[in-house]
């Protein structure tokens, strides 16, 4: 049986994957193959093909269908990230729940190798410990203004990339890792003084 060739790319808003038929390939054949390979997944037809929601992107990595998928590098990374996130979600949730339940002393033990941790309040130490405990893929902090989100993110990044024993040895420390902190203009002005 001949396989249907299709390109896989990220969607415009990074909310899933787009599957586009190659030139000369019937779009209906691509849709039918995807429906057979991903039963129960809500597929979205677009002018350029079919979109698959992010929560199902990882399934394309292991599907054995009549599709011959040609992946863009970004699409492959997107699907791999979703696969890994699904694998570590339970571990991450359990680690954060344990830190919350065990309290400040457990949080301090988790971040024992962090330089300058004594400058963090007990609440910040717990937040910091939760961020490093399960070697997260990424993290967003949401809280009210003035609660220390920016400094917590900086402390976390610093611990995750420092060499040596830190309780975060499983984190992939390479020169390719970087960190980004989005901060308001007021914070930037205060820090530059």
C-alpha atoms as a PDB file:
ATOM      1  CA  UNK A   1       0.000   0.000   0.000  1.00  0.00           C
ATOM      2  CA  UNK A   2       1.379   3.394  -0.997  1.00  0.00           C
ATOM      3  CA  UNK A   3       1.822   5.872   1.821  1.00  0.00           C
ATOM      4  CA  UNK A   4       0.410   9.391   1.640  1.00  0.00           C
ATOM      5  CA  UNK A   5       3.141  12.063   1.982  1.00  0.00           C
ATOM      6  CA  UNK A   6       2.422  15.119   4.108  1.00  0.00           C
ATOM      7  CA  UNK A   7       4.426  17.896   5.742  1.00  0.00           C
ATOM      8  CA  UNK A   8       4.243  18.540   9.487  1.00  0.00           C
ATOM      9  CA  UNK A   9       4.800  22.078  10.766  1.00  0.00           C
ATOM     10  CA  UNK A  10       3.881  24.169  13.778  1.00  0.00           C
ATOM     11  CA  UNK A  11       0.674  26.175  13.611  1.00  0.00           C
ATOM     12  CA  UNK A  12       0.713  29.958  13.430  1.00  0.00           C
ATOM     13  CA  UNK A  13      -0.217  30.394  17.108  1.00  0.00           C
ATOM     14  CA  UNK A  14       1.879  27.435  18.367  1.00  0.00           C
ATOM     15  CA  UNK A  15      -1.268  25.704  19.600  1.00  0.00           C
ATOM     16  CA  UNK A  16      -0.791  22.493  17.667  1.00  0.00           C
ATOM     17  CA  UNK A  17       0.629  20.931  14.527  1.00  0.00           C
ATOM     18  CA  UNK A  18      -0.425  21.489  10.939  1.00  0.00           C
ATOM     19  CA  UNK A  19      -0.363  18.598   8.485  1.00  0.00           C
ATOM     20  CA  UNK A  20      -0.318  19.641   4.825  1.00  0.00           C
ATOM     21  CA  UNK A  21      -0.515  17.293   1.865  1.00  0.00           C
ATOM     22  CA  UNK A  22       2.455  17.301  -0.480  1.00  0.00           C
ATOM     23  CA  UNK A  23       1.931  18.510  -4.046  1.00  0.00           C
ATOM     24  CA  UNK A  24      -0.289  16.091  -5.936  1.00  0.00           C
ATOM     25  CA  UNK A  25      -1.590  14.432  -2.759  1.00  0.00           C
ATOM     26  CA  UNK A  26      -5.338  14.399  -2.163  1.00  0.00           C
ATOM     27  CA  UNK A  27      -6.125  16.439   1.001  1.00  0.00           C
ATOM     28  CA  UNK A  28      -8.983  14.045   1.772  1.00  0.00           C
ATOM     29  CA  UNK A  29      -6.490  11.147   1.843  1.00  0.00           C
ATOM     30  CA  UNK A  30      -4.453  12.998   4.489  1.00  0.00           C
ATOM     31  CA  UNK A  31      -7.562  13.703   6.572  1.00  0.00           C
ATOM     32  CA  UNK A  32      -8.726  10.085   6.320  1.00  0.00           C
ATOM     33  CA  UNK A  33      -5.300   8.751   7.306  1.00  0.00           C
ATOM     34  CA  UNK A  34      -5.149  11.096  10.308  1.00  0.00           C
ATOM     35  CA  UNK A  35      -8.653  10.098  11.444  1.00  0.00           C
ATOM     36  CA  UNK A  36      -7.666   6.439  11.269  1.00  0.00           C
ATOM     37  CA  UNK A  37      -4.359   7.028  13.093  1.00  0.00           C
ATOM     38  CA  UNK A  38      -5.796   9.301  15.787  1.00  0.00           C
ATOM     39  CA  UNK A  39      -9.270   8.001  16.660  1.00  0.00           C
ATOM     40  CA  UNK A  40     -11.224  10.316  18.916  1.00  0.00           C
ATOM     41  CA  UNK A  41      -8.931  13.305  18.300  1.00  0.00           C
ATOM     42  CA  UNK A  42     -10.734  16.423  17.135  1.00  0.00           C
ATOM     43  CA  UNK A  43      -9.033  17.457  13.893  1.00  0.00           C
ATOM     44  CA  UNK A  44      -9.432  20.973  12.478  1.00  0.00           C
ATOM     45  CA  UNK A  45      -9.516  21.390   8.719  1.00  0.00           C
ATOM     46  CA  UNK A  46      -7.740  24.458   7.372  1.00  0.00           C
ATOM     47  CA  UNK A  47      -7.125  25.793   3.865  1.00  0.00           C
ATOM     48  CA  UNK A  48      -3.630  24.294   3.976  1.00  0.00           C
ATOM     49  CA  UNK A  49      -4.511  20.935   5.506  1.00  0.00           C
ATOM     50  CA  UNK A  50      -5.400  19.681   8.972  1.00  0.00           C
ATOM     51  CA  UNK A  51      -4.455  20.990  12.430  1.00  0.00           C
ATOM     52  CA  UNK A  52      -3.959  18.726  15.434  1.00  0.00           C
ATOM     53  CA  UNK A  53      -4.314  20.270  18.925  1.00  0.00           C
ATOM     54  CA  UNK A  54      -1.150  20.439  21.055  1.00  0.00           C
ATOM     55  CA  UNK A  55      -2.390  17.900  23.603  1.00  0.00           C
ATOM     56  CA  UNK A  56      -2.369  15.235  20.870  1.00  0.00           C
ATOM     57  CA  UNK A  57       0.796  16.315  19.014  1.00  0.00           C
ATOM     58  CA  UNK A  58       2.917  13.625  20.673  1.00  0.00           C
ATOM     59  CA  UNK A  59       0.718  10.906  19.167  1.00  0.00           C
ATOM     60  CA  UNK A  60       2.031  11.694  15.689  1.00  0.00           C
ATOM     61  CA  UNK A  61       5.519  10.615  16.800  1.00  0.00           C
ATOM     62  CA  UNK A  62       4.473   7.009  17.242  1.00  0.00           C
ATOM     63  CA  UNK A  63       1.578   6.608  14.850  1.00  0.00           C
ATOM     64  CA  UNK A  64       1.856   3.795  12.351  1.00  0.00           C
ATOM     65  CA  UNK A  65      -0.451   4.981   9.666  1.00  0.00           C
ATOM     66  CA  UNK A  66      -0.543   5.229   5.926  1.00  0.00           C
ATOM     67  CA  UNK A  67       1.006   8.695   6.246  1.00  0.00           C
ATOM     68  CA  UNK A  68       4.613   9.378   5.335  1.00  0.00           C
ATOM     69  CA  UNK A  69       5.230  12.455   7.487  1.00  0.00           C
ATOM     70  CA  UNK A  70       7.995  14.937   6.653  1.00  0.00           C
ATOM     71  CA  UNK A  71       8.675  16.888   9.849  1.00  0.00           C
ATOM     72  CA  UNK A  72      10.036  20.417  10.145  1.00  0.00           C
ATOM     73  CA  UNK A  73      12.593  20.710  12.967  1.00  0.00           C
ATOM     74  CA  UNK A  74      10.261  22.997  14.939  1.00  0.00           C
ATOM     75  CA  UNK A  75       7.308  20.616  14.599  1.00  0.00           C
ATOM     76  CA  UNK A  76       9.391  17.655  15.750  1.00  0.00           C
ATOM     77  CA  UNK A  77      10.619  19.613  18.792  1.00  0.00           C
ATOM     78  CA  UNK A  78       7.045  20.730  19.555  1.00  0.00           C
ATOM     79  CA  UNK A  79       5.793  17.128  19.556  1.00  0.00           C
ATOM     80  CA  UNK A  80       8.796  15.901  21.590  1.00  0.00           C
ATOM     81  CA  UNK A  81       8.212  18.633  24.181  1.00  0.00           C
ATOM     82  CA  UNK A  82       4.548  17.622  24.510  1.00  0.00           C
ATOM     83  CA  UNK A  83       5.559  13.970  24.868  1.00  0.00           C
ATOM     84  CA  UNK A  84       8.052  14.775  27.617  1.00  0.00           C
ATOM     85  CA  UNK A  85       5.616  17.086  29.407  1.00  0.00           C
ATOM     86  CA  UNK A  86       3.064  14.279  29.562  1.00  0.00           C
ATOM     87  CA  UNK A  87       5.691  11.924  30.993  1.00  0.00           C
ATOM     88  CA  UNK A  88       6.839  14.252  33.799  1.00  0.00           C
ATOM     89  CA  UNK A  89       3.553  15.944  34.693  1.00  0.00           C
ATOM     90  CA  UNK A  90       2.640  13.538  37.495  1.00  0.00           C
ATOM     91  CA  UNK A  91       6.165  13.694  38.939  1.00  0.00           C
ATOM     92  CA  UNK A  92       6.187  17.496  38.867  1.00  0.00           C
ATOM     93  CA  UNK A  93       2.753  17.763  40.461  1.00  0.00           C
ATOM     94  CA  UNK A  94       3.750  15.304  43.215  1.00  0.00           C
ATOM     95  CA  UNK A  95       6.980  17.177  43.947  1.00  0.00           C
ATOM     96  CA  UNK A  96       5.216  20.532  44.242  1.00  0.00           C
ATOM     97  CA  UNK A  97       2.468  19.026  46.414  1.00  0.00           C
ATOM     98  CA  UNK A  98       5.084  17.453  48.706  1.00  0.00           C
ATOM     99  CA  UNK A  99       6.888  20.751  49.183  1.00  0.00           C
ATOM    100  CA  UNK A 100       3.622  22.479  50.007  1.00  0.00           C
ATOM    101  CA  UNK A 101       2.661  19.732  52.482  1.00  0.00           C
ATOM    102  CA  UNK A 102       6.086  19.396  54.151  1.00  0.00           C
ATOM    103  CA  UNK A 103       6.570  23.109  54.687  1.00  0.00           C
ATOM    104  CA  UNK A 104       9.482  25.511  54.967  1.00  0.00           C
ATOM    105  CA  UNK A 105      12.118  23.082  56.301  1.00  0.00           C
ATOM    106  CA  UNK A 106      11.642  20.717  53.353  1.00  0.00           C
ATOM    107  CA  UNK A 107      11.835  23.688  50.989  1.00  0.00           C
ATOM    108  CA  UNK A 108      15.124  24.835  52.539  1.00  0.00           C
ATOM    109  CA  UNK A 109      16.566  21.311  52.190  1.00  0.00           C
ATOM    110  CA  UNK A 110      15.603  21.203  48.496  1.00  0.00           C
ATOM    111  CA  UNK A 111      17.486  24.450  47.824  1.00  0.00           C
ATOM    112  CA  UNK A 112      20.381  23.842  50.233  1.00  0.00           C
ATOM    113  CA  UNK A 113      23.005  24.511  47.548  1.00  0.00           C
ATOM    114  CA  UNK A 114      21.545  27.822  46.385  1.00  0.00           C
ATOM    115  CA  UNK A 115      23.796  30.757  47.064  1.00  0.00           C
ATOM    116  CA  UNK A 116      22.160  33.676  48.881  1.00  0.00           C
ATOM    117  CA  UNK A 117      19.030  31.675  49.766  1.00  0.00           C
ATOM    118  CA  UNK A 118      18.943  33.393  53.141  1.00  0.00           C
ATOM    119  CA  UNK A 119      17.810  36.552  51.345  1.00  0.00           C
ATOM    120  CA  UNK A 120      14.577  34.815  50.299  1.00  0.00           C
ATOM    121  CA  UNK A 121      11.538  34.899  52.542  1.00  0.00           C
ATOM    122  CA  UNK A 122      10.064  31.569  53.653  1.00  0.00           C
ATOM    123  CA  UNK A 123       7.350  31.901  51.012  1.00  0.00           C
ATOM    124  CA  UNK A 124       9.945  32.587  48.308  1.00  0.00           C
ATOM    125  CA  UNK A 125      12.043  29.619  49.452  1.00  0.00           C
ATOM    126  CA  UNK A 126       8.995  27.372  49.033  1.00  0.00           C
ATOM    127  CA  UNK A 127       8.263  28.824  45.593  1.00  0.00           C
ATOM    128  CA  UNK A 128      11.912  28.439  44.629  1.00  0.00           C
ATOM    129  CA  UNK A 129      12.043  24.831  45.884  1.00  0.00           C
ATOM    130  CA  UNK A 130       8.907  23.935  43.926  1.00  0.00           C
ATOM    131  CA  UNK A 131      10.437  25.347  40.750  1.00  0.00           C
ATOM    132  CA  UNK A 132      13.603  23.244  40.984  1.00  0.00           C
ATOM    133  CA  UNK A 133      12.301  20.077  42.664  1.00  0.00           C
ATOM    134  CA  UNK A 134      11.171  18.204  39.568  1.00  0.00           C
ATOM    135  CA  UNK A 135      13.448  19.791  36.950  1.00  0.00           C
ATOM    136  CA  UNK A 136      10.529  21.382  35.111  1.00  0.00           C
ATOM    137  CA  UNK A 137      10.380  21.872  31.357  1.00  0.00           C
ATOM    138  CA  UNK A 138       9.369  25.463  31.811  1.00  0.00           C
ATOM    139  CA  UNK A 139       7.381  27.498  34.222  1.00  0.00           C
ATOM    140  CA  UNK A 140       5.132  30.519  34.399  1.00  0.00           C
ATOM    141  CA  UNK A 141       4.670  32.396  37.642  1.00  0.00           C
ATOM    142  CA  UNK A 142       1.458  34.296  38.170  1.00  0.00           C
ATOM    143  CA  UNK A 143       0.841  36.296  41.297  1.00  0.00           C
ATOM    144  CA  UNK A 144       0.007  39.804  42.345  1.00  0.00           C
ATOM    145  CA  UNK A 145       2.346  42.720  41.799  1.00  0.00           C
ATOM    146  CA  UNK A 146       5.259  42.950  44.211  1.00  0.00           C
ATOM    147  CA  UNK A 147       5.249  39.320  45.364  1.00  0.00           C
ATOM    148  CA  UNK A 148       8.750  38.431  44.151  1.00  0.00           C
ATOM    149  CA  UNK A 149       8.116  36.557  40.928  1.00  0.00           C
ATOM    150  CA  UNK A 150      11.096  38.035  39.099  1.00  0.00           C
ATOM    151  CA  UNK A 151      13.656  37.415  41.832  1.00  0.00           C
ATOM    152  CA  UNK A 152      12.320  33.870  42.288  1.00  0.00           C
ATOM    153  CA  UNK A 153      12.791  33.173  38.578  1.00  0.00           C
ATOM    154  CA  UNK A 154      16.353  34.535  38.668  1.00  0.00           C
ATOM    155  CA  UNK A 155      17.268  32.462  41.748  1.00  0.00           C
ATOM    156  CA  UNK A 156      15.782  29.337  40.148  1.00  0.00           C
ATOM    157  CA  UNK A 157      17.670  29.771  36.906  1.00  0.00           C
ATOM    158  CA  UNK A 158      20.889  30.411  38.819  1.00  0.00           C
ATOM    159  CA  UNK A 159      20.553  27.176  40.773  1.00  0.00           C
ATOM    160  CA  UNK A 160      19.580  25.094  37.751  1.00  0.00           C
ATOM    161  CA  UNK A 161      22.643  26.103  35.758  1.00  0.00           C
ATOM    162  CA  UNK A 162      25.282  26.131  38.512  1.00  0.00           C
ATOM    163  CA  UNK A 163      27.788  23.253  38.303  1.00  0.00           C
ATOM    164  CA  UNK A 164      28.268  20.692  41.030  1.00  0.00           C
ATOM    165  CA  UNK A 165      25.967  18.963  43.482  1.00  0.00           C
ATOM    166  CA  UNK A 166      22.847  21.007  43.923  1.00  0.00           C
ATOM    167  CA  UNK A 167      19.955  18.622  44.059  1.00  0.00           C
ATOM    168  CA  UNK A 168      19.322  19.517  40.422  1.00  0.00           C
ATOM    169  CA  UNK A 169      21.989  17.306  38.846  1.00  0.00           C
ATOM    170  CA  UNK A 170      19.528  15.777  36.400  1.00  0.00           C
ATOM    171  CA  UNK A 171      18.911  19.154  34.815  1.00  0.00           C
ATOM    172  CA  UNK A 172      20.604  19.348  31.440  1.00  0.00           C
ATOM    173  CA  UNK A 173      23.362  21.901  32.039  1.00  0.00           C
ATOM    174  CA  UNK A 174      24.771  22.886  28.678  1.00  0.00           C
ATOM    175  CA  UNK A 175      25.869  26.103  27.086  1.00  0.00           C
ATOM    176  CA  UNK A 176      22.704  26.017  24.994  1.00  0.00           C
ATOM    177  CA  UNK A 177      20.429  26.707  27.945  1.00  0.00           C
ATOM    178  CA  UNK A 178      19.400  30.228  28.574  1.00  0.00           C
ATOM    179  CA  UNK A 179      16.901  32.004  30.686  1.00  0.00           C
ATOM    180  CA  UNK A 180      14.534  34.832  30.020  1.00  0.00           C
ATOM    181  CA  UNK A 181      12.924  37.014  32.580  1.00  0.00           C
ATOM    182  CA  UNK A 182      10.177  39.366  31.513  1.00  0.00           C
ATOM    183  CA  UNK A 183      10.080  42.314  33.863  1.00  0.00           C
ATOM    184  CA  UNK A 184       8.375  45.651  33.863  1.00  0.00           C
ATOM    185  CA  UNK A 185      10.234  48.844  33.041  1.00  0.00           C
ATOM    186  CA  UNK A 186      10.041  49.917  36.680  1.00  0.00           C
ATOM    187  CA  UNK A 187      11.992  46.822  37.829  1.00  0.00           C
ATOM    188  CA  UNK A 188      14.623  47.290  35.146  1.00  0.00           C
ATOM    189  CA  UNK A 189      15.099  50.927  36.186  1.00  0.00           C
ATOM    190  CA  UNK A 190      15.361  49.942  39.868  1.00  0.00           C
ATOM    191  CA  UNK A 191      17.942  47.230  39.125  1.00  0.00           C
ATOM    192  CA  UNK A 192      20.141  49.492  37.042  1.00  0.00           C
ATOM    193  CA  UNK A 193      20.742  51.887  39.915  1.00  0.00           C
END
